[in-house]
């Protein structure tokens, strides 16, 4: 049985894993949860949850970032799918080793369940290493990029 709590729980899962669409179905109900493209987590907060008093308050916690290693920050996949390092075949890659990136910059795209999800830089720095190849199937949590964050700001 799909309850209001179930819907809220699945909305949290969507948000945590960057999903944009989720369908729930049981013998009695069919529910489609969809989100639009949102530029910031703050803007996303009001889109996923109503302010209805019947819903429990949902506390939003930012996912923990991978600790820095001597090699740099390890950016991991947020979704299972096929990774694309360029916007289209024959075009330049989103980033190359040595490129400077800012937090939020697009590093790659992942096709998952016929939907494309941007992989955005979680930190600012310089791309030190690209750990995957174009068209490769990737898993959730798989290391994708190493970003050197030890540079001094100008």
C-alpha atoms as a PDB file:
ATOM      1  CA  UNK A   1       0.000   0.000   0.000  1.00  0.00           C
ATOM      2  CA  UNK A   2       1.350   3.426  -0.931  1.00  0.00           C
ATOM      3  CA  UNK A   3       1.086   5.869   1.955  1.00  0.00           C
ATOM      4  CA  UNK A   4       1.993   9.537   2.311  1.00  0.00           C
ATOM      5  CA  UNK A   5       5.090   8.474   4.247  1.00  0.00           C
ATOM      6  CA  UNK A   6       6.081   6.179   1.354  1.00  0.00           C
ATOM      7  CA  UNK A   7       5.803   9.081  -1.098  1.00  0.00           C
ATOM      8  CA  UNK A   8       7.915  11.332   1.150  1.00  0.00           C
ATOM      9  CA  UNK A   9      10.522   8.558   1.579  1.00  0.00           C
ATOM     10  CA  UNK A  10      10.752   8.027  -2.185  1.00  0.00           C
ATOM     11  CA  UNK A  11      11.005  11.794  -2.758  1.00  0.00           C
ATOM     12  CA  UNK A  12      14.012  11.805  -0.405  1.00  0.00           C
ATOM     13  CA  UNK A  13      15.574   8.943  -2.380  1.00  0.00           C
ATOM     14  CA  UNK A  14      15.013  10.850  -5.639  1.00  0.00           C
ATOM     15  CA  UNK A  15      16.698  13.920  -4.204  1.00  0.00           C
ATOM     16  CA  UNK A  16      19.621  11.981  -2.699  1.00  0.00           C
ATOM     17  CA  UNK A  17      20.397  10.165  -5.956  1.00  0.00           C
ATOM     18  CA  UNK A  18      19.599  12.949  -8.392  1.00  0.00           C
ATOM     19  CA  UNK A  19      16.629  11.147  -9.951  1.00  0.00           C
ATOM     20  CA  UNK A  20      14.144  13.226 -11.907  1.00  0.00           C
ATOM     21  CA  UNK A  21      11.329  10.704 -12.302  1.00  0.00           C
ATOM     22  CA  UNK A  22       9.969   7.799 -10.245  1.00  0.00           C
ATOM     23  CA  UNK A  23       6.818   5.731 -10.751  1.00  0.00           C
ATOM     24  CA  UNK A  24       5.102   3.883  -7.881  1.00  0.00           C
ATOM     25  CA  UNK A  25       2.312   1.391  -8.425  1.00  0.00           C
ATOM     26  CA  UNK A  26       0.390  -1.057  -6.295  1.00  0.00           C
ATOM     27  CA  UNK A  27      -3.006  -2.745  -6.665  1.00  0.00           C
ATOM     28  CA  UNK A  28      -4.912   0.424  -5.722  1.00  0.00           C
ATOM     29  CA  UNK A  29      -2.787   3.432  -6.647  1.00  0.00           C
ATOM     30  CA  UNK A  30      -0.428   4.752  -9.291  1.00  0.00           C
ATOM     31  CA  UNK A  31       1.831   7.676  -8.398  1.00  0.00           C
ATOM     32  CA  UNK A  32       4.304   9.476 -10.636  1.00  0.00           C
ATOM     33  CA  UNK A  33       6.924  11.669  -8.930  1.00  0.00           C
ATOM     34  CA  UNK A  34       8.765  14.073 -11.199  1.00  0.00           C
ATOM     35  CA  UNK A  35      11.069  16.990 -10.580  1.00  0.00           C
ATOM     36  CA  UNK A  36      12.162  19.747 -12.905  1.00  0.00           C
ATOM     37  CA  UNK A  37      15.696  20.954 -13.426  1.00  0.00           C
ATOM     38  CA  UNK A  38      16.685  23.030 -10.441  1.00  0.00           C
ATOM     39  CA  UNK A  39      19.836  25.088 -10.070  1.00  0.00           C
ATOM     40  CA  UNK A  40      20.364  24.725  -6.339  1.00  0.00           C
ATOM     41  CA  UNK A  41      19.401  22.431  -3.458  1.00  0.00           C
ATOM     42  CA  UNK A  42      17.670  25.373  -1.751  1.00  0.00           C
ATOM     43  CA  UNK A  43      15.357  25.846  -4.735  1.00  0.00           C
ATOM     44  CA  UNK A  44      14.725  22.084  -4.896  1.00  0.00           C
ATOM     45  CA  UNK A  45      13.555  21.949  -1.271  1.00  0.00           C
ATOM     46  CA  UNK A  46      10.095  23.402  -1.954  1.00  0.00           C
ATOM     47  CA  UNK A  47       9.561  21.517  -5.226  1.00  0.00           C
ATOM     48  CA  UNK A  48       9.739  18.006  -3.809  1.00  0.00           C
ATOM     49  CA  UNK A  49       7.728  18.463  -0.646  1.00  0.00           C
ATOM     50  CA  UNK A  50       4.508  20.250   0.091  1.00  0.00           C
ATOM     51  CA  UNK A  51       4.154  22.346   3.205  1.00  0.00           C
ATOM     52  CA  UNK A  52       1.089  20.324   4.205  1.00  0.00           C
ATOM     53  CA  UNK A  53       1.018  19.835   7.975  1.00  0.00           C
ATOM     54  CA  UNK A  54       0.069  16.165   7.522  1.00  0.00           C
ATOM     55  CA  UNK A  55       3.560  15.416   6.197  1.00  0.00           C
ATOM     56  CA  UNK A  56       6.378  14.891   8.637  1.00  0.00           C
ATOM     57  CA  UNK A  57       9.075  17.511   8.553  1.00  0.00           C
ATOM     58  CA  UNK A  58      11.852  16.304   6.290  1.00  0.00           C
ATOM     59  CA  UNK A  59      15.325  17.294   7.327  1.00  0.00           C
ATOM     60  CA  UNK A  60      17.656  17.770   4.424  1.00  0.00           C
ATOM     61  CA  UNK A  61      21.205  16.676   4.962  1.00  0.00           C
ATOM     62  CA  UNK A  62      23.916  17.298   2.431  1.00  0.00           C
ATOM     63  CA  UNK A  63      25.653  14.103   1.354  1.00  0.00           C
ATOM     64  CA  UNK A  64      29.052  13.727   2.925  1.00  0.00           C
ATOM     65  CA  UNK A  65      31.885  14.604   0.594  1.00  0.00           C
ATOM     66  CA  UNK A  66      34.674  12.115   0.021  1.00  0.00           C
ATOM     67  CA  UNK A  67      37.609  13.019   2.241  1.00  0.00           C
ATOM     68  CA  UNK A  68      40.617  14.582   0.564  1.00  0.00           C
ATOM     69  CA  UNK A  69      43.417  12.186  -0.254  1.00  0.00           C
ATOM     70  CA  UNK A  70      46.995  13.004  -1.181  1.00  0.00           C
ATOM     71  CA  UNK A  71      45.869  12.521  -4.777  1.00  0.00           C
ATOM     72  CA  UNK A  72      42.995  15.012  -4.472  1.00  0.00           C
ATOM     73  CA  UNK A  73      39.227  14.933  -4.104  1.00  0.00           C
ATOM     74  CA  UNK A  74      37.632  11.826  -5.618  1.00  0.00           C
ATOM     75  CA  UNK A  75      34.395  12.671  -7.447  1.00  0.00           C
ATOM     76  CA  UNK A  76      32.129   9.618  -7.475  1.00  0.00           C
ATOM     77  CA  UNK A  77      29.101   8.636  -9.544  1.00  0.00           C
ATOM     78  CA  UNK A  78      25.683   9.488  -8.144  1.00  0.00           C
ATOM     79  CA  UNK A  79      23.877   7.080 -10.469  1.00  0.00           C
ATOM     80  CA  UNK A  80      24.275   3.804 -12.386  1.00  0.00           C
ATOM     81  CA  UNK A  81      24.414   4.094 -16.166  1.00  0.00           C
ATOM     82  CA  UNK A  82      26.554   4.886 -19.194  1.00  0.00           C
ATOM     83  CA  UNK A  83      28.936   7.825 -18.844  1.00  0.00           C
ATOM     84  CA  UNK A  84      29.560  10.304 -21.641  1.00  0.00           C
ATOM     85  CA  UNK A  85      32.560  12.604 -21.367  1.00  0.00           C
ATOM     86  CA  UNK A  86      31.439  14.874 -24.234  1.00  0.00           C
ATOM     87  CA  UNK A  87      28.046  16.378 -25.136  1.00  0.00           C
ATOM     88  CA  UNK A  88      27.929  14.520 -28.479  1.00  0.00           C
ATOM     89  CA  UNK A  89      30.084  12.272 -30.624  1.00  0.00           C
ATOM     90  CA  UNK A  90      32.883  14.233 -32.280  1.00  0.00           C
ATOM     91  CA  UNK A  91      32.635  17.151 -29.834  1.00  0.00           C
ATOM     92  CA  UNK A  92      35.254  18.156 -27.256  1.00  0.00           C
ATOM     93  CA  UNK A  93      34.975  16.586 -23.819  1.00  0.00           C
ATOM     94  CA  UNK A  94      33.352  18.536 -20.983  1.00  0.00           C
ATOM     95  CA  UNK A  95      36.716  18.571 -19.152  1.00  0.00           C
ATOM     96  CA  UNK A  96      40.296  17.420 -19.745  1.00  0.00           C
ATOM     97  CA  UNK A  97      43.143  16.695 -17.349  1.00  0.00           C
ATOM     98  CA  UNK A  98      44.561  20.070 -16.302  1.00  0.00           C
ATOM     99  CA  UNK A  99      41.289  21.988 -16.703  1.00  0.00           C
ATOM    100  CA  UNK A 100      40.240  24.235 -13.845  1.00  0.00           C
ATOM    101  CA  UNK A 101      36.682  23.630 -12.631  1.00  0.00           C
ATOM    102  CA  UNK A 102      34.398  25.385 -10.193  1.00  0.00           C
ATOM    103  CA  UNK A 103      31.924  23.678  -7.907  1.00  0.00           C
ATOM    104  CA  UNK A 104      28.814  22.942  -9.981  1.00  0.00           C
ATOM    105  CA  UNK A 105      30.552  22.784 -13.397  1.00  0.00           C
ATOM    106  CA  UNK A 106      29.414  19.909 -15.642  1.00  0.00           C
ATOM    107  CA  UNK A 107      32.077  17.182 -15.778  1.00  0.00           C
ATOM    108  CA  UNK A 108      30.116  14.551 -17.722  1.00  0.00           C
ATOM    109  CA  UNK A 109      26.660  13.144 -18.425  1.00  0.00           C
ATOM    110  CA  UNK A 110      25.296   9.755 -17.374  1.00  0.00           C
ATOM    111  CA  UNK A 111      22.495   8.051 -19.263  1.00  0.00           C
ATOM    112  CA  UNK A 112      20.392   6.068 -16.841  1.00  0.00           C
ATOM    113  CA  UNK A 113      17.019   4.576 -17.730  1.00  0.00           C
ATOM    114  CA  UNK A 114      16.872   6.668 -20.931  1.00  0.00           C
ATOM    115  CA  UNK A 115      17.372   9.893 -18.973  1.00  0.00           C
ATOM    116  CA  UNK A 116      20.514  12.008 -18.905  1.00  0.00           C
ATOM    117  CA  UNK A 117      21.918  13.214 -15.580  1.00  0.00           C
ATOM    118  CA  UNK A 118      24.668  15.803 -15.283  1.00  0.00           C
ATOM    119  CA  UNK A 119      27.648  14.956 -13.110  1.00  0.00           C
ATOM    120  CA  UNK A 120      28.618  18.293 -11.583  1.00  0.00           C
ATOM    121  CA  UNK A 121      31.876  19.109  -9.787  1.00  0.00           C
ATOM    122  CA  UNK A 122      31.394  18.845  -6.044  1.00  0.00           C
ATOM    123  CA  UNK A 123      34.494  20.976  -5.369  1.00  0.00           C
ATOM    124  CA  UNK A 124      36.555  23.601  -7.169  1.00  0.00           C
ATOM    125  CA  UNK A 125      40.044  22.759  -8.386  1.00  0.00           C
ATOM    126  CA  UNK A 126      41.981  21.252 -11.281  1.00  0.00           C
ATOM    127  CA  UNK A 127      41.130  17.967 -12.984  1.00  0.00           C
ATOM    128  CA  UNK A 128      44.043  15.731 -12.041  1.00  0.00           C
ATOM    129  CA  UNK A 129      42.801  12.434 -13.427  1.00  0.00           C
ATOM    130  CA  UNK A 130      39.837  11.011 -15.371  1.00  0.00           C
ATOM    131  CA  UNK A 131      39.189   7.470 -14.129  1.00  0.00           C
ATOM    132  CA  UNK A 132      36.595   6.349 -16.715  1.00  0.00           C
ATOM    133  CA  UNK A 133      36.327   6.232 -20.489  1.00  0.00           C
ATOM    134  CA  UNK A 134      33.591   7.546 -22.766  1.00  0.00           C
ATOM    135  CA  UNK A 135      30.673   5.112 -23.144  1.00  0.00           C
ATOM    136  CA  UNK A 136      31.709   3.014 -20.139  1.00  0.00           C
ATOM    137  CA  UNK A 137      29.027   1.504 -17.889  1.00  0.00           C
ATOM    138  CA  UNK A 138      29.473   2.859 -14.365  1.00  0.00           C
ATOM    139  CA  UNK A 139      28.120   1.926 -10.956  1.00  0.00           C
ATOM    140  CA  UNK A 140      26.760   4.065  -8.115  1.00  0.00           C
ATOM    141  CA  UNK A 141      29.663   5.340  -5.999  1.00  0.00           C
ATOM    142  CA  UNK A 142      32.295   4.525  -8.636  1.00  0.00           C
ATOM    143  CA  UNK A 143      35.218   6.997  -8.690  1.00  0.00           C
ATOM    144  CA  UNK A 144      35.053   9.110 -11.869  1.00  0.00           C
ATOM    145  CA  UNK A 145      37.447  12.049 -11.491  1.00  0.00           C
ATOM    146  CA  UNK A 146      40.247  13.187  -9.199  1.00  0.00           C
ATOM    147  CA  UNK A 147      40.177  16.943  -8.570  1.00  0.00           C
ATOM    148  CA  UNK A 148      43.215  18.692  -7.074  1.00  0.00           C
ATOM    149  CA  UNK A 149      41.949  21.296  -4.608  1.00  0.00           C
ATOM    150  CA  UNK A 150      45.325  22.329  -3.177  1.00  0.00           C
ATOM    151  CA  UNK A 151      45.784  25.341  -5.439  1.00  0.00           C
ATOM    152  CA  UNK A 152      46.027  28.818  -3.967  1.00  0.00           C
ATOM    153  CA  UNK A 153      43.314  31.290  -4.907  1.00  0.00           C
ATOM    154  CA  UNK A 154      44.452  34.393  -6.782  1.00  0.00           C
END
